[in-house]
Amino acid sequence: MPARRRLLAAAVTAAACLATQALTATAATAATATDEVVSRGVTIPAFYNPPTTLPAANGTIVRSEPLPLALSLPSLHGPLPGTATRLMYKSTDSNGKPVAVTGAYIEPTARWKGGGPRPLVALAPGTLGQGDQCAASMGLEHPLSFNGETVSVGYEDLSIYRLLAKGAAVVVTDYAGLGATDRLHTYVDRVDEAHAVLDAVRAARSLGAASVTTASPVGLFGYSQGGGATAAAAELQSSYAPDVTLAGTYAGAPPADLADVTKAIDGSELAGALGWSLNGFLQSDPELRPIAEAHLNAAGKAALADLSTMCVGDALFGYGYAKSTKWTTDGRSISEIIAATPELKTYLDGQRIGRLKPSGPVRLATGVSDNLVPHGQSRDLAVDWCRKGADVTYKPVVLPNVGSALLNHFAPLLTGQGDAIDWLTDRLSGERAPSNCWSLPVQP
């Protein structure tokens, strides 16, 4: 099948399965609460403009408001699946600086049937893009929208609603800079994402309308970018958020080794994620900017600027199958430049997940045919954790290679989602997680 037809098939199939998100983005300029930020024809609500001063304590709610769920049904006991609140809360970024993060809390109508108090699940979204209206909280309000300049599909709504149906409360983070209009989203920055996830738990527990408390069991749930975020959060919980005890963590297809992932996505349907990664690196560490300026040609710099206001759907059609060799001054790939540049190697090495023991039991799932977020590096994460004595349930998802890296990556999200939710529900109910680290030598 020609490349363009494969791209179209991948994008349409993934969208139909609620497995890709094509939203829009805003420029990464500072905004006050009265500024109007418009990106690709979409006006970002003023709620998402952070104030100039933030509270001191991590997880403190800056502001909240009712969030209308587009997919909601009335019932005798209240709206299904629940009542949502839009949140902005304080977190700390990888440089130790305060940052405003947005998200949403959903109080379920369904009764919790497990033992003990109603649990809380912090959901870390998969890759959405780098623009503010890509935020998962906006996807709850507008799960499918078109405006002639962009298209959005809120694919994380599926897992959120399935968790709510179990009777678990759900808090969703938008991550640093995705939603909040004062900075660029630091895509796949493990510290920023981990902090945003853990502080979302703190924010939800302090919300007056929430039924969850500090006594509620806490679970983490994420796939792809979200899997990396929950994996990093489980690793950093003991040092950053000792008040947040984890009953269980689901990390699906986590990008644990960004050097491997960078190489894999180059030239794939989701090659645009290279731009999001580079933009995020430069946001987190401005000292890398001179290196980027030296190696990126005019086309590369234009691509990074363009992608900073794109979401997955836009990037699929705008940069699908793009090769980074076209973005560099000497024709080398981004991966080759990283390998030859000590500063870049050191930065990516610092992003590696697997050097710390995660708190609580973890379910790590990875598709054996996944060649977008490569299966091998995800499996290596399970090995690293097992060697540290972690309680790991490793689940290889065996599906055939369908010839599309995008579908090889997203198919396990859907096929394994039900089992992942059941596993997490059992942990939230107090059931012990049987580790299968012993079986890794014979697992694919």
Protein backbone atom coordinates (compact mmCIF):
# COMPACT_ATOMS: atom_id res chain seq x y z
CA MET A 1 0.00 0.00 0.00
CA PRO A 2 1.45 3.45 -0.91
CA ALA A 3 2.63 5.57 2.01
CA ARG A 4 -0.11 8.19 1.62
CA ARG A 5 -2.86 5.55 1.57
CA ARG A 6 -1.33 3.81 4.61
CA LEU A 7 -1.35 7.13 6.44
CA LEU A 8 -4.99 7.77 5.58
CA ALA A 9 -5.99 4.24 6.62
CA ALA A 10 -4.07 4.53 9.87
CA ALA A 11 -5.57 7.89 10.74
CA VAL A 12 -9.15 6.98 9.89
CA THR A 13 -8.99 3.62 11.65
CA ALA A 14 -7.40 5.07 14.75
CA ALA A 15 -9.94 7.87 14.95
CA ALA A 16 -12.80 5.44 14.46
CA CYS A 17 -11.47 3.38 17.34
CA LEU A 18 -11.07 6.48 19.49
CA ALA A 19 -7.34 5.85 19.42
CA THR A 20 -5.90 9.11 18.11
CA GLN A 21 -6.48 12.67 19.09
CA ALA A 22 -6.40 15.49 16.60
CA LEU A 23 -6.86 18.69 18.46
CA THR A 24 -5.35 22.14 18.05
CA ALA A 25 -2.80 24.15 19.89
CA THR A 26 -1.96 27.63 21.08
CA ALA A 27 1.21 29.61 20.87
CA ALA A 28 3.35 29.28 23.98
CA THR A 29 3.00 32.90 25.05
CA ALA A 30 2.20 34.12 28.53
CA ALA A 31 -1.40 35.14 29.13
CA THR A 32 -3.29 36.81 31.90
CA ALA A 33 -6.78 35.85 33.01
CA THR A 34 -8.26 38.50 30.69
CA ASP A 35 -6.25 37.72 27.56
CA GLU A 36 -7.93 35.87 24.71
CA VAL A 37 -5.77 33.15 23.22
CA VAL A 38 -6.81 31.85 19.80
CA SER A 39 -5.09 29.01 17.97
CA ARG A 40 -6.05 27.61 14.58
CA GLY A 41 -9.44 29.25 14.91
CA VAL A 42 -10.18 27.93 18.40
CA THR A 43 -10.53 30.30 21.35
CA ILE A 44 -9.06 28.95 24.57
CA PRO A 45 -11.36 29.68 27.53
CA ALA A 46 -9.99 32.33 29.91
CA PHE A 47 -10.06 29.68 32.65
CA TYR A 48 -6.85 28.25 31.20
CA ASN A 49 -4.87 31.49 31.59
CA PRO A 50 -2.85 31.12 34.83
CA PRO A 51 -2.55 33.98 37.32
CA THR A 52 0.84 35.63 37.81
CA THR A 53 1.15 34.27 41.36
CA LEU A 54 0.57 30.66 42.37
CA PRO A 55 0.00 29.08 45.80
CA ALA A 56 2.99 27.67 47.67
CA ALA A 57 1.78 24.10 48.22
CA ASN A 58 1.82 21.56 45.41
CA GLY A 59 -1.63 20.29 44.51
CA THR A 60 -3.38 23.43 45.76
CA ILE A 61 -6.38 24.33 43.61
CA VAL A 62 -5.93 27.68 41.89
CA ARG A 63 -9.46 27.74 40.48
CA SER A 64 -12.28 25.42 39.52
CA GLU A 65 -15.58 25.55 37.66
CA PRO A 66 -18.26 23.13 36.45
CA LEU A 67 -17.25 21.24 33.31
CA PRO A 68 -20.11 20.14 31.03
CA LEU A 69 -19.61 16.63 29.73
CA ALA A 70 -20.65 16.30 26.11
CA LEU A 71 -21.39 12.60 26.55
CA SER A 72 -23.83 12.51 29.47
CA LEU A 73 -27.18 10.89 30.17
CA PRO A 74 -29.74 11.59 32.91
CA SER A 75 -30.61 8.89 35.44
CA LEU A 76 -32.55 8.52 38.68
CA HIS A 77 -29.35 8.85 40.70
CA GLY A 78 -27.77 11.70 38.74
CA PRO A 79 -26.09 12.29 35.39
CA LEU A 80 -24.17 9.41 33.85
CA PRO A 81 -21.28 8.87 34.03
CA GLY A 82 -20.93 11.65 36.60
CA THR A 83 -20.44 15.32 37.39
CA ALA A 84 -17.27 17.01 36.16
CA THR A 85 -15.26 19.92 37.48
CA ARG A 86 -12.58 21.77 35.54
CA LEU A 87 -9.43 22.32 37.60
CA MET A 88 -6.31 24.44 37.71
CA TYR A 89 -3.80 23.43 40.36
CA LYS A 90 -0.24 24.23 41.36
CA SER A 91 2.66 21.90 40.59
CA THR A 92 6.45 22.13 40.33
CA ASP A 93 8.35 21.63 37.08
CA SER A 94 11.64 19.83 36.47
CA ASN A 95 13.57 23.03 37.18
CA GLY A 96 11.96 23.40 40.60
CA LYS A 97 9.77 26.29 39.51
CA PRO A 98 6.03 26.67 40.21
CA VAL A 99 3.74 25.84 37.32
CA ALA A 100 -0.03 25.94 36.83
CA VAL A 101 -1.54 22.70 35.50
CA THR A 102 -5.11 22.20 34.35
CA GLY A 103 -7.27 19.09 34.30
CA ALA A 104 -10.63 17.73 35.33
CA TYR A 105 -12.19 15.79 38.18
CA ILE A 106 -15.24 13.59 37.59
CA GLU A 107 -17.40 12.44 40.49
CA PRO A 108 -19.03 9.19 39.33
CA THR A 109 -22.72 8.49 39.65
CA ALA A 110 -22.05 4.73 39.82
CA ARG A 111 -21.60 3.24 43.25
CA TRP A 112 -18.21 1.80 44.19
CA LYS A 113 -18.73 -1.91 44.72
CA GLY A 114 -15.27 -2.73 46.02
CA GLY A 115 -14.32 -2.71 49.64
CA GLY A 116 -13.52 0.48 51.51
CA PRO A 117 -14.03 4.10 50.48
CA ARG A 118 -14.48 5.24 46.89
CA PRO A 119 -11.07 5.15 45.17
CA LEU A 120 -9.45 7.81 43.01
CA VAL A 121 -7.74 7.14 39.68
CA ALA A 122 -5.38 9.73 38.23
CA LEU A 123 -5.44 9.34 34.46
CA ALA A 124 -2.45 10.50 32.44
CA PRO A 125 -3.45 11.05 28.80
CA GLY A 126 -1.64 9.58 25.85
CA THR A 127 -0.10 11.77 23.17
CA LEU A 128 -2.42 14.64 22.29
CA GLY A 129 -0.02 17.13 20.74
CA GLN A 130 1.48 20.38 21.95
CA GLY A 131 -1.30 22.93 21.70
CA ASP A 132 -3.49 24.07 24.53
CA GLN A 133 -6.80 23.00 23.03
CA CYS A 134 -5.38 19.49 22.73
CA ALA A 135 -5.90 19.21 26.49
CA ALA A 136 -7.80 16.16 27.68
CA SER A 137 -10.07 18.29 29.85
CA MET A 138 -11.31 20.06 26.71
CA GLY A 139 -11.80 16.69 25.06
CA LEU A 140 -14.37 15.83 27.74
CA GLU A 141 -16.40 18.86 26.73
CA HIS A 142 -15.77 18.58 22.98
CA PRO A 143 -14.99 14.94 22.16
CA LEU A 144 -15.33 15.49 18.43
CA SER A 145 -15.04 18.89 16.75
CA PHE A 146 -14.16 20.34 13.36
CA ASN A 147 -13.65 23.99 12.46
CA GLY A 148 -12.02 23.86 9.04
CA GLU A 149 -8.55 24.45 10.49
CA THR A 150 -8.26 21.50 12.82
CA VAL A 151 -10.05 18.40 14.05
CA SER A 152 -10.25 16.95 17.55
CA VAL A 153 -11.17 13.51 18.86
CA GLY A 154 -11.13 13.03 22.65
CA TYR A 155 -9.96 9.42 22.65
CA GLU A 156 -9.14 9.30 26.36
CA ASP A 157 -12.87 9.72 27.12
CA LEU A 158 -13.26 5.97 26.56
CA SER A 159 -10.94 4.89 29.39
CA ILE A 160 -12.25 7.66 31.65
CA TYR A 161 -15.85 6.53 31.23
CA ARG A 162 -14.95 2.88 31.76
CA LEU A 163 -13.25 3.74 35.04
CA LEU A 164 -16.23 5.86 36.12
CA ALA A 165 -18.54 2.94 35.37
CA LYS A 166 -16.61 0.94 37.96
CA GLY A 167 -17.49 3.56 40.56
CA ALA A 168 -13.99 5.03 40.78
CA ALA A 169 -13.57 8.79 40.80
CA VAL A 170 -11.24 10.04 38.07
CA VAL A 171 -8.94 13.05 37.95
CA VAL A 172 -7.34 13.81 34.58
CA THR A 173 -4.23 15.93 34.20
CA ASP A 174 -3.55 18.06 31.15
CA TYR A 175 0.19 18.14 31.98
CA ALA A 176 2.33 21.26 32.26
CA GLY A 177 1.74 23.63 29.37
CA LEU A 178 -1.03 21.62 27.72
CA GLY A 179 -4.15 23.64 28.42
CA ALA A 180 -2.53 26.32 30.57
CA THR A 181 -1.59 29.09 28.16
CA ASP A 182 1.54 30.48 29.80
CA ARG A 183 4.10 28.01 28.48
CA LEU A 184 4.76 25.32 25.90
CA HIS A 185 3.90 21.74 26.81
CA THR A 186 7.03 19.85 27.89
CA TYR A 187 6.16 16.71 25.97
CA VAL A 188 7.54 13.47 27.53
CA ASP A 189 9.46 15.30 30.26
CA ARG A 190 9.29 12.59 32.91
CA VAL A 191 9.58 14.91 35.93
CA ASP A 192 7.04 17.48 34.74
CA GLU A 193 4.57 14.72 33.89
CA ALA A 194 5.09 12.75 37.09
CA HIS A 195 4.60 15.85 39.22
CA ALA A 196 1.47 16.82 37.30
CA VAL A 197 -0.03 13.35 37.87
CA LEU A 198 0.75 13.24 41.59
CA ASP A 199 -0.40 16.81 42.20
CA ALA A 200 -3.67 16.05 40.40
CA VAL A 201 -4.36 13.51 43.15
CA ARG A 202 -3.73 16.14 45.80
CA ALA A 203 -5.97 18.62 44.00
CA ALA A 204 -8.84 16.14 43.66
CA ARG A 205 -8.70 15.19 47.34
CA SER A 206 -8.98 18.86 48.36
CA LEU A 207 -11.94 19.63 46.09
CA GLY A 208 -15.01 20.37 48.18
CA ALA A 209 -17.41 18.59 45.82
CA ALA A 210 -15.34 15.39 45.73
CA SER A 211 -16.26 12.29 47.74
CA VAL A 212 -12.63 11.10 47.78
CA THR A 213 -10.39 11.85 50.74
CA THR A 214 -6.89 11.04 51.93
CA ALA A 215 -8.32 7.66 52.98
CA SER A 216 -9.30 6.79 49.39
CA PRO A 217 -7.09 4.26 47.59
CA VAL A 218 -5.22 5.84 44.67
CA GLY A 219 -4.47 4.29 41.30
CA LEU A 220 -2.62 5.64 38.25
CA PHE A 221 -3.65 4.84 34.68
CA GLY A 222 -1.89 5.77 31.45
CA TYR A 223 -0.90 4.52 27.99
CA SER A 224 1.83 5.76 25.62
CA GLN A 225 2.83 9.23 26.80
CA GLY A 226 0.48 8.55 29.70
CA GLY A 227 2.23 5.26 30.41
CA GLY A 228 5.52 7.09 30.69
CA ALA A 229 3.91 9.65 32.98
CA THR A 230 2.43 7.07 35.35
CA ALA A 231 5.65 5.03 35.34
CA ALA A 232 7.64 8.14 36.26
CA ALA A 233 5.05 9.10 38.88
CA ALA A 234 5.32 5.67 40.52
CA GLU A 235 9.10 6.12 40.63
CA LEU A 236 8.98 9.65 42.09
CA GLN A 237 6.05 9.19 44.50
CA SER A 238 8.14 8.39 47.56
CA SER A 239 10.33 11.48 47.20
CA TYR A 240 7.89 14.00 45.73
CA ALA A 241 4.50 12.98 47.13
CA PRO A 242 4.89 10.71 50.18
CA ASP A 243 1.33 11.68 51.16
CA VAL A 244 -0.01 9.91 48.04
CA THR A 245 0.08 6.16 48.67
CA LEU A 246 -0.36 4.16 45.47
CA ALA A 247 -2.56 1.07 45.43
CA GLY A 248 -1.57 0.29 41.85
CA THR A 249 -0.18 1.79 38.64
CA TYR A 250 -0.96 0.86 35.05
CA ALA A 251 1.77 1.89 32.60
CA GLY A 252 0.94 0.91 29.04
CA ALA A 253 3.55 1.22 26.25
CA PRO A 254 5.72 3.61 28.27
CA PRO A 255 8.41 5.57 26.39
CA ALA A 256 11.08 4.71 28.96
CA ASP A 257 14.11 5.29 26.70
CA LEU A 258 13.64 8.41 24.60
CA ALA A 259 16.75 7.71 22.52
CA ASP A 260 15.10 4.53 21.21
CA VAL A 261 11.72 6.19 20.79
CA THR A 262 13.20 9.16 18.92
CA LYS A 263 14.81 6.81 16.43
CA ALA A 264 11.60 4.81 16.00
CA ILE A 265 9.21 7.67 15.33
CA ASP A 266 11.47 9.31 12.74
CA GLY A 267 9.89 8.68 9.35
CA SER A 268 6.74 7.13 10.86
CA GLU A 269 3.16 8.34 10.66
CA LEU A 270 3.76 10.19 13.93
CA ALA A 271 7.06 11.80 12.92
CA GLY A 272 5.60 15.09 14.12
CA ALA A 273 6.21 13.89 17.68
CA LEU A 274 9.89 14.56 17.02
CA GLY A 275 9.04 18.25 16.86
CA TRP A 276 7.02 18.07 20.09
CA SER A 277 9.91 16.30 21.79
CA LEU A 278 12.48 18.83 20.66
CA ASN A 279 10.23 21.74 21.59
CA GLY A 280 9.75 20.20 25.02
CA PHE A 281 13.48 19.62 25.50
CA LEU A 282 14.19 23.27 24.72
CA GLN A 283 11.41 24.42 27.06
CA SER A 284 12.85 22.33 29.91
CA ASP A 285 16.50 23.16 29.23
CA PRO A 286 17.05 26.43 27.31
CA GLU A 287 20.81 25.77 27.34
CA LEU A 288 20.16 23.23 24.57
CA ARG A 289 18.81 25.93 22.26
CA PRO A 290 22.19 26.94 20.74
CA ILE A 291 22.75 23.31 19.79
CA ALA A 292 19.35 23.16 18.11
CA GLU A 293 19.98 26.44 16.32
CA ALA A 294 23.27 25.09 14.97
CA HIS A 295 21.83 21.84 13.64
CA LEU A 296 18.34 22.75 12.41
CA ASN A 297 17.93 24.27 8.96
CA ALA A 298 15.14 26.64 7.97
CA ALA A 299 12.75 23.76 7.24
CA GLY A 300 13.45 22.18 10.63
CA LYS A 301 12.91 25.41 12.53
CA ALA A 302 9.68 26.05 10.62
CA ALA A 303 8.48 22.50 11.38
CA LEU A 304 9.07 22.92 15.11
CA ALA A 305 7.20 26.22 15.14
CA ASP A 306 4.33 24.74 13.12
CA LEU A 307 4.08 21.61 15.26
CA SER A 308 3.97 23.64 18.47
CA THR A 309 0.40 24.57 17.52
CA MET A 310 -0.60 21.13 16.21
CA CYS A 311 -2.25 18.07 17.67
CA VAL A 312 -2.09 14.45 16.61
CA GLY A 313 -4.53 14.60 13.72
CA ASP A 314 -2.97 17.72 12.24
CA ALA A 315 0.53 16.25 12.61
CA LEU A 316 -0.50 12.98 10.96
CA PHE A 317 -1.52 14.75 7.78
CA GLY A 318 1.00 17.58 7.95
CA TYR A 319 4.12 15.62 8.91
CA GLY A 320 3.26 11.95 8.47
CA TYR A 321 6.33 9.96 7.31
CA ALA A 322 8.55 13.05 7.51
CA LYS A 323 12.26 12.34 7.90
CA SER A 324 14.35 14.48 10.21
CA THR A 325 17.22 14.38 7.72
CA LYS A 326 15.27 17.07 5.85
CA TRP A 327 15.31 19.28 8.97
CA THR A 328 19.05 19.36 9.65
CA THR A 329 21.88 21.42 8.20
CA ASP A 330 24.09 18.44 7.36
CA GLY A 331 21.48 15.84 6.43
CA ARG A 332 22.01 13.72 9.54
CA SER A 333 18.98 12.44 11.44
CA ILE A 334 18.03 13.84 14.83
CA SER A 335 19.01 10.50 16.39
CA GLU A 336 22.46 10.66 14.80
CA ILE A 337 22.97 14.19 16.07
CA ILE A 338 21.87 13.18 19.58
CA ALA A 339 24.30 10.24 19.58
CA ALA A 340 27.16 12.55 18.55
CA THR A 341 26.37 15.38 20.97
CA PRO A 342 27.28 14.80 24.64
CA GLU A 343 24.92 17.47 25.95
CA LEU A 344 21.94 15.89 24.17
CA LYS A 345 22.93 12.38 25.22
CA THR A 346 23.17 13.53 28.83
CA TYR A 347 19.78 15.22 28.67
CA LEU A 348 18.03 12.16 27.24
CA ASP A 349 19.83 9.91 29.68
CA GLY A 350 18.35 12.01 32.48
CA GLN A 351 14.89 11.28 31.08
CA ARG A 352 15.38 7.52 31.35
CA ILE A 353 12.67 5.71 33.33
CA GLY A 354 13.70 2.54 35.15
CA ARG A 355 16.52 3.71 37.38
CA LEU A 356 14.28 3.99 40.44
CA LYS A 357 12.08 1.41 42.11
CA PRO A 358 8.37 2.25 41.64
CA SER A 359 6.08 2.50 44.63
CA GLY A 360 3.32 -0.11 44.90
CA PRO A 361 2.36 -2.76 42.37
CA VAL A 362 2.69 -1.92 38.67
CA ARG A 363 1.12 -3.48 35.57
CA LEU A 364 3.35 -2.85 32.56
CA ALA A 365 1.83 -3.74 29.19
CA THR A 366 3.49 -3.46 25.81
CA GLY A 367 2.53 -4.68 22.34
CA VAL A 368 5.10 -7.13 21.00
CA SER A 369 4.64 -5.64 17.51
CA ASP A 370 4.84 -2.04 18.72
CA ASN A 371 7.53 -0.34 16.64
CA LEU A 372 6.47 3.25 17.37
CA VAL A 373 7.14 3.17 21.12
CA PRO A 374 9.38 0.13 20.72
CA HIS A 375 8.41 -3.02 22.55
CA GLY A 376 12.01 -3.77 23.48
CA GLN A 377 12.61 -0.64 25.51
CA SER A 378 9.29 -1.09 27.35
CA ARG A 379 10.21 -4.68 28.17
CA ASP A 380 13.60 -3.48 29.38
CA LEU A 381 11.77 -1.23 31.84
CA ALA A 382 10.01 -4.27 33.31
CA VAL A 383 13.37 -6.03 33.64
CA ASP A 384 14.93 -2.97 35.32
CA TRP A 385 12.08 -2.74 37.81
CA CYS A 386 12.09 -6.45 38.58
CA ARG A 387 15.80 -6.32 39.31
CA LYS A 388 15.07 -3.61 41.87
CA GLY A 389 12.57 -5.86 43.64
CA ALA A 390 9.45 -4.08 42.39
CA ASP A 391 6.06 -5.79 42.30
CA VAL A 392 5.60 -5.96 38.51
CA THR A 393 2.89 -7.62 36.46
CA TYR A 394 4.39 -7.72 32.96
CA LYS A 395 1.89 -8.19 30.13
CA PRO A 396 3.10 -8.58 26.54
CA VAL A 397 0.18 -7.93 24.19
CA VAL A 398 0.56 -10.33 21.27
CA LEU A 399 -0.91 -8.88 18.08
CA PRO A 400 0.25 -9.21 14.47
CA ASN A 401 2.31 -6.52 12.79
CA VAL A 402 -0.19 -4.78 10.49
CA GLY A 403 2.40 -2.71 8.63
CA SER A 404 1.48 0.57 10.28
CA ALA A 405 3.59 1.72 13.21
CA LEU A 406 0.72 3.90 14.42
CA LEU A 407 -1.76 1.02 14.52
CA ASN A 408 0.84 -1.37 15.96
CA HIS A 409 1.13 1.08 18.83
CA PHE A 410 -2.52 1.96 19.38
CA ALA A 411 -4.16 -1.43 18.87
CA PRO A 412 -2.92 -2.74 22.27
CA LEU A 413 -4.43 0.34 23.92
CA LEU A 414 -7.89 -0.93 23.01
CA THR A 415 -7.37 -4.69 23.21
CA GLY A 416 -5.69 -4.49 26.61
CA GLN A 417 -7.69 -1.67 28.17
CA GLY A 418 -10.38 -3.81 29.77
CA ASP A 419 -7.86 -6.12 31.45
CA ALA A 420 -5.86 -3.12 32.64
CA ILE A 421 -8.94 -1.55 34.22
CA ASP A 422 -9.88 -4.84 35.88
CA TRP A 423 -6.34 -5.22 37.24
CA LEU A 424 -6.38 -1.69 38.65
CA THR A 425 -9.88 -2.16 40.10
CA ASP A 426 -8.65 -5.24 41.96
CA ARG A 427 -5.76 -3.25 43.43
CA LEU A 428 -8.14 -0.46 44.50
CA SER A 429 -10.30 -3.12 46.17
CA GLY A 430 -7.34 -4.24 48.26
CA GLU A 431 -6.54 -7.45 46.41
CA ARG A 432 -2.87 -8.36 46.30
CA ALA A 433 -1.11 -8.18 42.94
CA PRO A 434 0.80 -11.32 42.02
CA SER A 435 4.14 -10.34 40.45
CA ASN A 436 5.28 -12.35 37.45
CA CYS A 437 8.87 -11.12 37.35
CA TRP A 438 9.92 -14.76 37.57
CA SER A 439 8.44 -15.38 34.09
CA LEU A 440 10.25 -12.59 32.23
CA PRO A 441 12.99 -14.86 30.82
CA VAL A 442 10.37 -16.76 28.82
CA GLN A 443 8.09 -13.80 28.00
CA PRO A 444 8.31 -12.03 24.62
